[in-house]
Amino acid sequence: MAVKHIIRDKNGKLVIVKLTFAKAIKLFCIECMGFSQQDVKNCTSVLCPLFKYKTGIEEKDTKVKLSKKHKEALVEGLRKARKIKKGKAASAPVSVSPSSPKHFK
């Protein structure tokens, strides 16, 4: 089912288009990646809920290699959360790591 929707094109103009779910996700990803279709294919934002649909169809076994720094940040955040849960640390907020490994390069 297609729905009429207003989107912004790469020149910043508002355009009315008919969107299906797949097309809406694809256009969202293109806008998110700075209107570069090539960058959408190379996207590494594995924590994005639309990541496996970025091409307009569901990618079954989406495997992305995380950088060593990104893995360490995720592990450290988990350790802090466990300490807070056990009451070993003050109830300070746990820092959340960025959703994309590209922030650590």
PDB file of N, CA and C in Angstrom:
ATOM      1  N   MET A   1       0.843  -1.173   0.000  1.00  0.00           N
ATOM      2  CA  MET A   1       0.000   0.000   0.000  1.00  0.00           C
ATOM      3  C   MET A   1       0.893   1.241   0.000  1.00  0.00           C
ATOM      4  N   ALA A   2       0.709   2.084  -0.964  1.00  0.00           N
ATOM      5  CA  ALA A   2       1.504   3.312  -1.073  1.00  0.00           C
ATOM      6  C   ALA A   2       0.758   4.464  -0.403  1.00  0.00           C
ATOM      7  N   VAL A   3       1.541   5.332   0.223  1.00  0.00           N
ATOM      8  CA  VAL A   3       0.990   6.484   0.932  1.00  0.00           C
ATOM      9  C   VAL A   3       1.672   7.734   0.406  1.00  0.00           C
ATOM     10  N   LYS A   4       0.905   8.814   0.236  1.00  0.00           N
ATOM     11  CA  LYS A   4       1.513  10.074  -0.179  1.00  0.00           C
ATOM     12  C   LYS A   4       2.245  10.678   1.012  1.00  0.00           C
ATOM     13  N   HIS A   5       3.440  11.156   0.749  1.00  0.00           N
ATOM     14  CA  HIS A   5       4.271  11.691   1.817  1.00  0.00           C
ATOM     15  C   HIS A   5       5.140  12.820   1.259  1.00  0.00           C
ATOM     16  N   ILE A   6       5.497  13.772   2.100  1.00  0.00           N
ATOM     17  CA  ILE A   6       6.373  14.869   1.693  1.00  0.00           C
ATOM     18  C   ILE A   6       7.781  14.552   2.177  1.00  0.00           C
ATOM     19  N   ILE A   7       8.729  14.574   1.247  1.00  0.00           N
ATOM     20  CA  ILE A   7      10.127  14.340   1.610  1.00  0.00           C
ATOM     21  C   ILE A   7      10.981  15.494   1.083  1.00  0.00           C
ATOM     22  N   ARG A   8      12.202  15.551   1.557  1.00  0.00           N
ATOM     23  CA  ARG A   8      13.152  16.567   1.105  1.00  0.00           C
ATOM     24  C   ARG A   8      14.125  15.891   0.148  1.00  0.00           C
ATOM     25  N   ASP A   9      14.324  16.481  -1.037  1.00  0.00           N
ATOM     26  CA  ASP A   9      15.291  15.914  -1.983  1.00  0.00           C
ATOM     27  C   ASP A   9      16.694  16.419  -1.656  1.00  0.00           C
ATOM     28  N   LYS A  10      17.691  15.968  -2.426  1.00  0.00           N
ATOM     29  CA  LYS A  10      19.073  16.328  -2.110  1.00  0.00           C
ATOM     30  C   LYS A  10      19.371  17.819  -2.284  1.00  0.00           C
ATOM     31  N   ASN A  11      18.480  18.549  -2.962  1.00  0.00           N
ATOM     32  CA  ASN A  11      18.653  19.993  -3.122  1.00  0.00           C
ATOM     33  C   ASN A  11      17.909  20.781  -2.047  1.00  0.00           C
ATOM     34  N   GLY A  12      17.242  20.057  -1.130  1.00  0.00           N
ATOM     35  CA  GLY A  12      16.538  20.715  -0.044  1.00  0.00           C
ATOM     36  C   GLY A  12      15.097  21.080  -0.356  1.00  0.00           C
ATOM     37  N   LYS A  13      14.607  20.749  -1.549  1.00  0.00           N
ATOM     38  CA  LYS A  13      13.227  21.064  -1.930  1.00  0.00           C
ATOM     39  C   LYS A  13      12.290  19.986  -1.403  1.00  0.00           C
ATOM     40  N   LEU A  14      11.074  20.402  -1.019  1.00  0.00           N
ATOM     41  CA  LEU A  14      10.058  19.459  -0.572  1.00  0.00           C
ATOM     42  C   LEU A  14       9.339  18.875  -1.788  1.00  0.00           C
ATOM     43  N   VAL A  15       9.176  17.561  -1.790  1.00  0.00           N
ATOM     44  CA  VAL A  15       8.572  16.862  -2.909  1.00  0.00           C
ATOM     45  C   VAL A  15       7.528  15.892  -2.363  1.00  0.00           C
ATOM     46  N   ILE A  16       6.362  15.802  -3.032  1.00  0.00           N
ATOM     47  CA  ILE A  16       5.341  14.839  -2.644  1.00  0.00           C
ATOM     48  C   ILE A  16       5.563  13.561  -3.462  1.00  0.00           C
ATOM     49  N   VAL A  17       5.687  12.425  -2.751  1.00  0.00           N
ATOM     50  CA  VAL A  17       5.913  11.142  -3.410  1.00  0.00           C
ATOM     51  C   VAL A  17       4.973  10.097  -2.823  1.00  0.00           C
ATOM     52  N   LYS A  18       4.755   9.015  -3.577  1.00  0.00           N
ATOM     53  CA  LYS A  18       4.010   7.871  -3.064  1.00  0.00           C
ATOM     54  C   LYS A  18       5.030   6.876  -2.534  1.00  0.00           C
ATOM     55  N   LEU A  19       4.882   6.504  -1.265  1.00  0.00           N
ATOM     56  CA  LEU A  19       5.856   5.628  -0.635  1.00  0.00           C
ATOM     57  C   LEU A  19       5.253   4.292  -0.225  1.00  0.00           C
ATOM     58  N   THR A  20       5.979   3.230  -0.540  1.00  0.00           N
ATOM     59  CA  THR A  20       5.700   1.925   0.044  1.00  0.00           C
ATOM     60  C   THR A  20       6.622   1.803   1.252  1.00  0.00           C
ATOM     61  N   PHE A  21       6.469   0.753   2.047  1.00  0.00           N
ATOM     62  CA  PHE A  21       7.347   0.587   3.204  1.00  0.00           C
ATOM     63  C   PHE A  21       8.802   0.484   2.768  1.00  0.00           C
ATOM     64  N   ALA A  22       9.061  -0.329   1.754  1.00  0.00           N
ATOM     65  CA  ALA A  22      10.436  -0.534   1.291  1.00  0.00           C
ATOM     66  C   ALA A  22      11.043   0.766   0.768  1.00  0.00           C
ATOM     67  N   LYS A  23      10.265   1.517  -0.006  1.00  0.00           N
ATOM     68  CA  LYS A  23      10.780   2.769  -0.567  1.00  0.00           C
ATOM     69  C   LYS A  23      11.008   3.806   0.534  1.00  0.00           C
ATOM     70  N   ALA A  24      10.131   3.835   1.541  1.00  0.00           N
ATOM     71  CA  ALA A  24      10.291   4.783   2.647  1.00  0.00           C
ATOM     72  C   ALA A  24      11.574   4.505   3.420  1.00  0.00           C
ATOM     73  N   ILE A  25      11.859   3.234   3.675  1.00  0.00           N
ATOM     74  CA  ILE A  25      13.086   2.872   4.388  1.00  0.00           C
ATOM     75  C   ILE A  25      14.302   3.224   3.556  1.00  0.00           C
ATOM     76  N   LYS A  26      14.257   2.900   2.275  1.00  0.00           N
ATOM     77  CA  LYS A  26      15.386   3.186   1.392  1.00  0.00           C
ATOM     78  C   LYS A  26      15.663   4.690   1.332  1.00  0.00           C
ATOM     79  N   LEU A  27      14.614   5.504   1.197  1.00  0.00           N
ATOM     80  CA  LEU A  27      14.799   6.957   1.137  1.00  0.00           C
ATOM     81  C   LEU A  27      15.277   7.519   2.475  1.00  0.00           C
ATOM     82  N   PHE A  28      14.804   6.951   3.588  1.00  0.00           N
ATOM     83  CA  PHE A  28      15.286   7.369   4.903  1.00  0.00           C
ATOM     84  C   PHE A  28      16.791   7.143   5.006  1.00  0.00           C
ATOM     85  N   CYS A  29      17.232   5.956   4.587  1.00  0.00           N
ATOM     86  CA  CYS A  29      18.655   5.618   4.660  1.00  0.00           C
ATOM     87  C   CYS A  29      19.494   6.526   3.753  1.00  0.00           C
ATOM     88  N   ILE A  30      18.984   6.816   2.578  1.00  0.00           N
ATOM     89  CA  ILE A  30      19.708   7.699   1.656  1.00  0.00           C
ATOM     90  C   ILE A  30      19.868   9.084   2.272  1.00  0.00           C
ATOM     91  N   GLU A  31      18.804   9.601   2.886  1.00  0.00           N
ATOM     92  CA  GLU A  31      18.892  10.919   3.528  1.00  0.00           C
ATOM     93  C   GLU A  31      19.850  10.868   4.715  1.00  0.00           C
ATOM     94  N   CYS A  32      19.773   9.794   5.508  1.00  0.00           N
ATOM     95  CA  CYS A  32      20.643   9.645   6.681  1.00  0.00           C
ATOM     96  C   CYS A  32      22.122   9.648   6.291  1.00  0.00           C
ATOM     97  N   MET A  33      22.443   9.069   5.142  1.00  0.00           N
ATOM     98  CA  MET A  33      23.827   8.955   4.689  1.00  0.00           C
ATOM     99  C   MET A  33      24.232  10.115   3.784  1.00  0.00           C
ATOM    100  N   GLY A  34      23.543  11.238   3.900  1.00  0.00           N
ATOM    101  CA  GLY A  34      23.925  12.440   3.147  1.00  0.00           C
ATOM    102  C   GLY A  34      23.602  12.353   1.672  1.00  0.00           C
ATOM    103  N   PHE A  35      22.511  11.663   1.336  1.00  0.00           N
ATOM    104  CA  PHE A  35      22.025  11.506  -0.028  1.00  0.00           C
ATOM    105  C   PHE A  35      23.009  10.758  -0.926  1.00  0.00           C
ATOM    106  N   SER A  36      23.793   9.872  -0.349  1.00  0.00           N
ATOM    107  CA  SER A  36      24.737   9.059  -1.110  1.00  0.00           C
ATOM    108  C   SER A  36      24.285   7.602  -1.091  1.00  0.00           C
ATOM    109  N   GLN A  37      23.834   7.099  -2.243  1.00  0.00           N
ATOM    110  CA  GLN A  37      23.380   5.716  -2.314  1.00  0.00           C
ATOM    111  C   GLN A  37      24.529   4.750  -2.065  1.00  0.00           C
ATOM    112  N   GLN A  38      25.736   5.090  -2.470  1.00  0.00           N
ATOM    113  CA  GLN A  38      26.895   4.228  -2.239  1.00  0.00           C
ATOM    114  C   GLN A  38      27.168   4.089  -0.741  1.00  0.00           C
ATOM    115  N   ASP A  39      27.008   5.186   0.007  1.00  0.00           N
ATOM    116  CA  ASP A  39      27.223   5.133   1.445  1.00  0.00           C
ATOM    117  C   ASP A  39      26.174   4.272   2.147  1.00  0.00           C
ATOM    118  N   VAL A  40      24.955   4.216   1.598  1.00  0.00           N
ATOM    119  CA  VAL A  40      23.921   3.356   2.182  1.00  0.00           C
ATOM    120  C   VAL A  40      24.370   1.899   2.101  1.00  0.00           C
ATOM    121  N   LYS A  41      24.938   1.499   0.990  1.00  0.00           N
ATOM    122  CA  LYS A  41      25.413   0.123   0.833  1.00  0.00           C
ATOM    123  C   LYS A  41      26.548  -0.185   1.797  1.00  0.00           C
ATOM    124  N   ASN A  42      27.342   0.818   2.169  1.00  0.00           N
ATOM    125  CA  ASN A  42      28.482   0.630   3.057  1.00  0.00           C
ATOM    126  C   ASN A  42      28.174   1.011   4.505  1.00  0.00           C
ATOM    127  N   CYS A  43      26.914   1.227   4.840  1.00  0.00           N
ATOM    128  CA  CYS A  43      26.521   1.645   6.178  1.00  0.00           C
ATOM    129  C   CYS A  43      26.936   0.607   7.218  1.00  0.00           C
ATOM    130  N   THR A  44      27.439   1.092   8.358  1.00  0.00           N
ATOM    131  CA  THR A  44      27.859   0.201   9.439  1.00  0.00           C
ATOM    132  C   THR A  44      27.094   0.459  10.731  1.00  0.00           C
ATOM    133  N   SER A  45      25.980   1.159  10.666  1.00  0.00           N
ATOM    134  CA  SER A  45      25.198   1.478  11.867  1.00  0.00           C
ATOM    135  C   SER A  45      24.350   0.280  12.269  1.00  0.00           C
ATOM    136  N   VAL A  46      25.007  -0.740  12.830  1.00  0.00           N
ATOM    137  CA  VAL A  46      24.332  -2.000  13.145  1.00  0.00           C
ATOM    138  C   VAL A  46      23.259  -1.859  14.218  1.00  0.00           C
ATOM    139  N   LEU A  47      23.304  -0.821  15.024  1.00  0.00           N
ATOM    140  CA  LEU A  47      22.295  -0.631  16.056  1.00  0.00           C
ATOM    141  C   LEU A  47      21.049   0.085  15.541  1.00  0.00           C
ATOM    142  N   CYS A  48      21.064   0.524  14.306  1.00  0.00           N
ATOM    143  CA  CYS A  48      19.885   1.145  13.692  1.00  0.00           C
ATOM    144  C   CYS A  48      18.834   0.056  13.452  1.00  0.00           C
ATOM    145  N   PRO A  49      17.587   0.275  13.874  1.00  0.00           N
ATOM    146  CA  PRO A  49      16.561  -0.750  13.668  1.00  0.00           C
ATOM    147  C   PRO A  49      16.243  -1.016  12.196  1.00  0.00           C
ATOM    148  N   LEU A  50      16.625  -0.101  11.321  1.00  0.00           N
ATOM    149  CA  LEU A  50      16.363  -0.292   9.884  1.00  0.00           C
ATOM    150  C   LEU A  50      17.573  -0.856   9.149  1.00  0.00           C
ATOM    151  N   PHE A  51      18.652  -1.163   9.856  1.00  0.00           N
ATOM    152  CA  PHE A  51      19.910  -1.571   9.225  1.00  0.00           C
ATOM    153  C   PHE A  51      19.738  -2.732   8.250  1.00  0.00           C
ATOM    154  N   LYS A  52      19.032  -3.774   8.655  1.00  0.00           N
ATOM    155  CA  LYS A  52      18.936  -4.932   7.764  1.00  0.00           C
ATOM    156  C   LYS A  52      17.951  -4.723   6.611  1.00  0.00           C
ATOM    157  N   TYR A  53      17.244  -3.609   6.599  1.00  0.00           N
ATOM    158  CA  TYR A  53      16.318  -3.288   5.508  1.00  0.00           C
ATOM    159  C   TYR A  53      16.850  -2.174   4.613  1.00  0.00           C
ATOM    160  N   LYS A  54      18.095  -1.752   4.796  1.00  0.00           N
ATOM    161  CA  LYS A  54      18.619  -0.547   4.151  1.00  0.00           C
ATOM    162  C   LYS A  54      18.588  -0.585   2.629  1.00  0.00           C
ATOM    163  N   THR A  55      18.594  -1.765   2.037  1.00  0.00           N
ATOM    164  CA  THR A  55      18.560  -1.860   0.572  1.00  0.00           C
ATOM    165  C   THR A  55      17.132  -1.913   0.029  1.00  0.00           C
ATOM    166  N   GLY A  56      16.146  -1.871   0.929  1.00  0.00           N
ATOM    167  CA  GLY A  56      14.748  -1.953   0.502  1.00  0.00           C
ATOM    168  C   GLY A  56      14.191  -3.352   0.657  1.00  0.00           C
ATOM    169  N   ILE A  57      15.060  -4.323   0.892  1.00  0.00           N
ATOM    170  CA  ILE A  57      14.630  -5.696   1.183  1.00  0.00           C
ATOM    171  C   ILE A  57      15.400  -6.169   2.414  1.00  0.00           C
ATOM    172  N   GLU A  58      14.829  -7.137   3.127  1.00  0.00           N
ATOM    173  CA  GLU A  58      15.485  -7.617   4.346  1.00  0.00           C
ATOM    174  C   GLU A  58      16.707  -8.456   4.005  1.00  0.00           C
ATOM    175  N   GLU A  59      17.831  -8.099   4.589  1.00  0.00           N
ATOM    176  CA  GLU A  59      19.046  -8.882   4.421  1.00  0.00           C
ATOM    177  C   GLU A  59      19.087  -9.884   5.565  1.00  0.00           C
ATOM    178  N   LYS A  60      19.103 -11.170   5.252  1.00  0.00           N
ATOM    179  CA  LYS A  60      18.982 -12.217   6.273  1.00  0.00           C
ATOM    180  C   LYS A  60      20.161 -12.256   7.233  1.00  0.00           C
ATOM    181  N   ASP A  61      21.316 -12.639   6.781  1.00  0.00           N
ATOM    182  CA  ASP A  61      22.479 -12.791   7.651  1.00  0.00           C
ATOM    183  C   ASP A  61      23.392 -11.584   7.510  1.00  0.00           C
ATOM    184  N   THR A  62      23.006 -10.513   8.147  1.00  0.00           N
ATOM    185  CA  THR A  62      23.789  -9.289   8.092  1.00  0.00           C
ATOM    186  C   THR A  62      24.883  -9.367   9.146  1.00  0.00           C
ATOM    187  N   LYS A  63      26.112  -9.527   8.692  1.00  0.00           N
ATOM    188  CA  LYS A  63      27.232  -9.608   9.617  1.00  0.00           C
ATOM    189  C   LYS A  63      28.152  -8.430   9.360  1.00  0.00           C
ATOM    190  N   VAL A  64      28.408  -7.672  10.402  1.00  0.00           N
ATOM    191  CA  VAL A  64      29.293  -6.526  10.309  1.00  0.00           C
ATOM    192  C   VAL A  64      30.390  -6.713  11.344  1.00  0.00           C
ATOM    193  N   LYS A  65      31.624  -6.521  10.928  1.00  0.00           N
ATOM    194  CA  LYS A  65      32.739  -6.626  11.861  1.00  0.00           C
ATOM    195  C   LYS A  65      32.872  -5.310  12.608  1.00  0.00           C
ATOM    196  N   LEU A  66      32.827  -5.395  13.934  1.00  0.00           N
ATOM    197  CA  LEU A  66      32.991  -4.209  14.758  1.00  0.00           C
ATOM    198  C   LEU A  66      34.475  -3.979  15.013  1.00  0.00           C
ATOM    199  N   SER A  67      34.850  -2.731  15.082  1.00  0.00           N
ATOM    200  CA  SER A  67      36.248  -2.410  15.380  1.00  0.00           C
ATOM    201  C   SER A  67      36.555  -2.798  16.827  1.00  0.00           C
ATOM    202  N   LYS A  68      37.832  -2.962  17.135  1.00  0.00           N
ATOM    203  CA  LYS A  68      38.253  -3.342  18.485  1.00  0.00           C
ATOM    204  C   LYS A  68      37.811  -2.289  19.505  1.00  0.00           C
ATOM    205  N   LYS A  69      37.946  -1.012  19.154  1.00  0.00           N
ATOM    206  CA  LYS A  69      37.551   0.066  20.064  1.00  0.00           C
ATOM    207  C   LYS A  69      36.048   0.044  20.328  1.00  0.00           C
ATOM    208  N   HIS A  70      35.253  -0.253  19.293  1.00  0.00           N
ATOM    209  CA  HIS A  70      33.806  -0.296  19.453  1.00  0.00           C
ATOM    210  C   HIS A  70      33.419  -1.449  20.370  1.00  0.00           C
ATOM    211  N   LYS A  71      34.049  -2.617  20.186  1.00  0.00           N
ATOM    212  CA  LYS A  71      33.776  -3.763  21.055  1.00  0.00           C
ATOM    213  C   LYS A  71      34.130  -3.433  22.508  1.00  0.00           C
ATOM    214  N   GLU A  72      35.293  -2.798  22.712  1.00  0.00           N
ATOM    215  CA  GLU A  72      35.723  -2.437  24.063  1.00  0.00           C
ATOM    216  C   GLU A  72      34.738  -1.466  24.716  1.00  0.00           C
ATOM    217  N   ALA A  73      34.225  -0.505  23.946  1.00  0.00           N
ATOM    218  CA  ALA A  73      33.264   0.457  24.487  1.00  0.00           C
ATOM    219  C   ALA A  73      31.965  -0.239  24.889  1.00  0.00           C
ATOM    220  N   LEU A  74      31.515  -1.177  24.079  1.00  0.00           N
ATOM    221  CA  LEU A  74      30.297  -1.922  24.404  1.00  0.00           C
ATOM    222  C   LEU A  74      30.491  -2.774  25.653  1.00  0.00           C
ATOM    223  N   VAL A  75      31.637  -3.449  25.757  1.00  0.00           N
ATOM    224  CA  VAL A  75      31.934  -4.284  26.926  1.00  0.00           C
ATOM    225  C   VAL A  75      32.022  -3.425  28.182  1.00  0.00           C
ATOM    226  N   GLU A  76      32.686  -2.276  28.109  1.00  0.00           N
ATOM    227  CA  GLU A  76      32.821  -1.386  29.261  1.00  0.00           C
ATOM    228  C   GLU A  76      31.454  -0.874  29.719  1.00  0.00           C
ATOM    229  N   GLY A  77      30.606  -0.513  28.777  1.00  0.00           N
ATOM    230  CA  GLY A  77      29.258  -0.065  29.120  1.00  0.00           C
ATOM    231  C   GLY A  77      28.465  -1.161  29.816  1.00  0.00           C
ATOM    232  N   LEU A  78      28.628  -2.398  29.352  1.00  0.00           N
ATOM    233  CA  LEU A  78      27.943  -3.528  29.972  1.00  0.00           C
ATOM    234  C   LEU A  78      28.459  -3.764  31.390  1.00  0.00           C
ATOM    235  N   ARG A  79      29.769  -3.660  31.582  1.00  0.00           N
ATOM    236  CA  ARG A  79      30.352  -3.820  32.921  1.00  0.00           C
ATOM    237  C   ARG A  79      29.809  -2.773  33.891  1.00  0.00           C
ATOM    238  N   LYS A  80      29.736  -1.522  33.438  1.00  0.00           N
ATOM    239  CA  LYS A  80      29.214  -0.448  34.287  1.00  0.00           C
ATOM    240  C   LYS A  80      27.757  -0.706  34.652  1.00  0.00           C
ATOM    241  N   ALA A  81      26.992  -1.157  33.685  1.00  0.00           N
ATOM    242  CA  ALA A  81      25.572  -1.432  33.933  1.00  0.00           C
ATOM    243  C   ALA A  81      25.410  -2.564  34.941  1.00  0.00           C
ATOM    244  N   ARG A  82      26.238  -3.592  34.837  1.00  0.00           N
ATOM    245  CA  ARG A  82      26.166  -4.705  35.786  1.00  0.00           C
ATOM    246  C   ARG A  82      26.540  -4.261  37.200  1.00  0.00           C
ATOM    247  N   LYS A  83      27.564  -3.396  37.324  1.00  0.00           N
ATOM    248  CA  LYS A  83      27.964  -2.902  38.641  1.00  0.00           C
ATOM    249  C   LYS A  83      26.842  -2.094  39.276  1.00  0.00           C
ATOM    250  N   ILE A  84      26.197  -1.259  38.497  1.00  0.00           N
ATOM    251  CA  ILE A  84      25.095  -0.445  39.005  1.00  0.00           C
ATOM    252  C   ILE A  84      23.944  -1.348  39.433  1.00  0.00           C
ATOM    253  N   LYS A  85      23.667  -2.373  38.638  1.00  0.00           N
ATOM    254  CA  LYS A  85      22.569  -3.288  38.957  1.00  0.00           C
ATOM    255  C   LYS A  85      22.845  -4.041  40.259  1.00  0.00           C
ATOM    256  N   LYS A  86      24.116  -4.422  40.489  1.00  0.00           N
ATOM    257  CA  LYS A  86      24.479  -5.141  41.709  1.00  0.00           C
ATOM    258  C   LYS A  86      24.635  -4.214  42.903  1.00  0.00           C
ATOM    259  N   GLY A  87      24.633  -2.909  42.668  1.00  0.00           N
ATOM    260  CA  GLY A  87      24.749  -1.945  43.746  1.00  0.00           C
ATOM    261  C   GLY A  87      26.177  -1.648  44.146  1.00  0.00           C
ATOM    262  N   LYS A  88      27.143  -2.040  43.331  1.00  0.00           N
ATOM    263  CA  LYS A  88      28.556  -1.802  43.641  1.00  0.00           C
ATOM    264  C   LYS A  88      28.993  -0.388  43.301  1.00  0.00           C
ATOM    265  N   ALA A  89      28.256   0.276  42.478  1.00  0.00           N
ATOM    266  CA  ALA A  89      28.624   1.634  42.076  1.00  0.00           C
ATOM    267  C   ALA A  89      27.488   2.574  42.447  1.00  0.00           C
ATOM    268  N   ALA A  90      27.820   3.833  42.555  1.00  0.00           N
ATOM    269  CA  ALA A  90      26.789   4.836  42.806  1.00  0.00           C
ATOM    270  C   ALA A  90      25.828   4.837  41.634  1.00  0.00           C
ATOM    271  N   SER A  91      24.645   5.292  41.861  1.00  0.00           N
ATOM    272  CA  SER A  91      23.654   5.257  40.790  1.00  0.00           C
ATOM    273  C   SER A  91      23.892   6.368  39.773  1.00  0.00           C
ATOM    274  N   ALA A  92      25.087   6.360  39.213  1.00  0.00           N
ATOM    275  CA  ALA A  92      25.438   7.320  38.168  1.00  0.00           C
ATOM    276  C   ALA A  92      24.947   6.781  36.836  1.00  0.00           C
ATOM    277  N   PRO A  93      24.585   7.656  35.908  1.00  0.00           N
ATOM    278  CA  PRO A  93      24.109   7.177  34.610  1.00  0.00           C
ATOM    279  C   PRO A  93      25.224   6.470  33.836  1.00  0.00           C
ATOM    280  N   VAL A  94      24.850   5.445  33.119  1.00  0.00           N
ATOM    281  CA  VAL A  94      25.797   4.700  32.301  1.00  0.00           C
ATOM    282  C   VAL A  94      25.940   5.421  30.974  1.00  0.00           C
ATOM    283  N   SER A  95      27.179   5.650  30.540  1.00  0.00           N
ATOM    284  CA  SER A  95      27.370   6.323  29.258  1.00  0.00           C
ATOM    285  C   SER A  95      27.037   5.353  28.137  1.00  0.00           C
ATOM    286  N   VAL A  96      26.349   5.859  27.138  1.00  0.00           N
ATOM    287  CA  VAL A  96      25.932   5.040  26.009  1.00  0.00           C
ATOM    288  C   VAL A  96      26.895   5.282  24.871  1.00  0.00           C
ATOM    289  N   SER A  97      27.391   4.200  24.287  1.00  0.00           N
ATOM    290  CA  SER A  97      28.329   4.346  23.176  1.00  0.00           C
ATOM    291  C   SER A  97      27.579   4.728  21.910  1.00  0.00           C
ATOM    292  N   PRO A  98      28.229   5.372  20.961  1.00  0.00           N
ATOM    293  CA  PRO A  98      27.589   5.744  19.697  1.00  0.00           C
ATOM    294  C   PRO A  98      27.072   4.511  18.962  1.00  0.00           C
ATOM    295  N   SER A  99      26.081   4.706  18.126  1.00  0.00           N
ATOM    296  CA  SER A  99      25.440   3.580  17.455  1.00  0.00           C
ATOM    297  C   SER A  99      26.220   3.070  16.255  1.00  0.00           C
ATOM    298  N   SER A 100      27.288   3.713  15.899  1.00  0.00           N
ATOM    299  CA  SER A 100      28.002   3.302  14.699  1.00  0.00           C
ATOM    300  C   SER A 100      29.495   3.198  14.953  1.00  0.00           C
ATOM    301  N   PRO A 101      30.117   2.101  14.482  1.00  0.00           N
ATOM    302  CA  PRO A 101      31.551   1.947  14.659  1.00  0.00           C
ATOM    303  C   PRO A 101      32.371   3.049  13.991  1.00  0.00           C
ATOM    304  N   LYS A 102      31.803   3.736  12.999  1.00  0.00           N
ATOM    305  CA  LYS A 102      32.568   4.750  12.288  1.00  0.00           C
ATOM    306  C   LYS A 102      32.945   5.922  13.192  1.00  0.00           C
ATOM    307  N   HIS A 103      32.259   6.065  14.347  1.00  0.00           N
ATOM    308  CA  HIS A 103      32.587   7.143  15.277  1.00  0.00           C
ATOM    309  C   HIS A 103      33.895   6.891  15.997  1.00  0.00           C
ATOM    310  N   PHE A 104      34.419   5.660  15.923  1.00  0.00           N
ATOM    311  CA  PHE A 104      35.614   5.308  16.656  1.00  0.00           C
ATOM    312  C   PHE A 104      36.861   5.285  15.779  1.00  0.00           C
ATOM    313  N   LYS A 105      36.746   5.557  14.511  1.00  0.00           N
ATOM    314  CA  LYS A 105      37.901   5.500  13.607  1.00  0.00           C
ATOM    315  C   LYS A 105      38.770   6.707  13.759  1.00  0.00           C
TER     316      LYS A 105
END
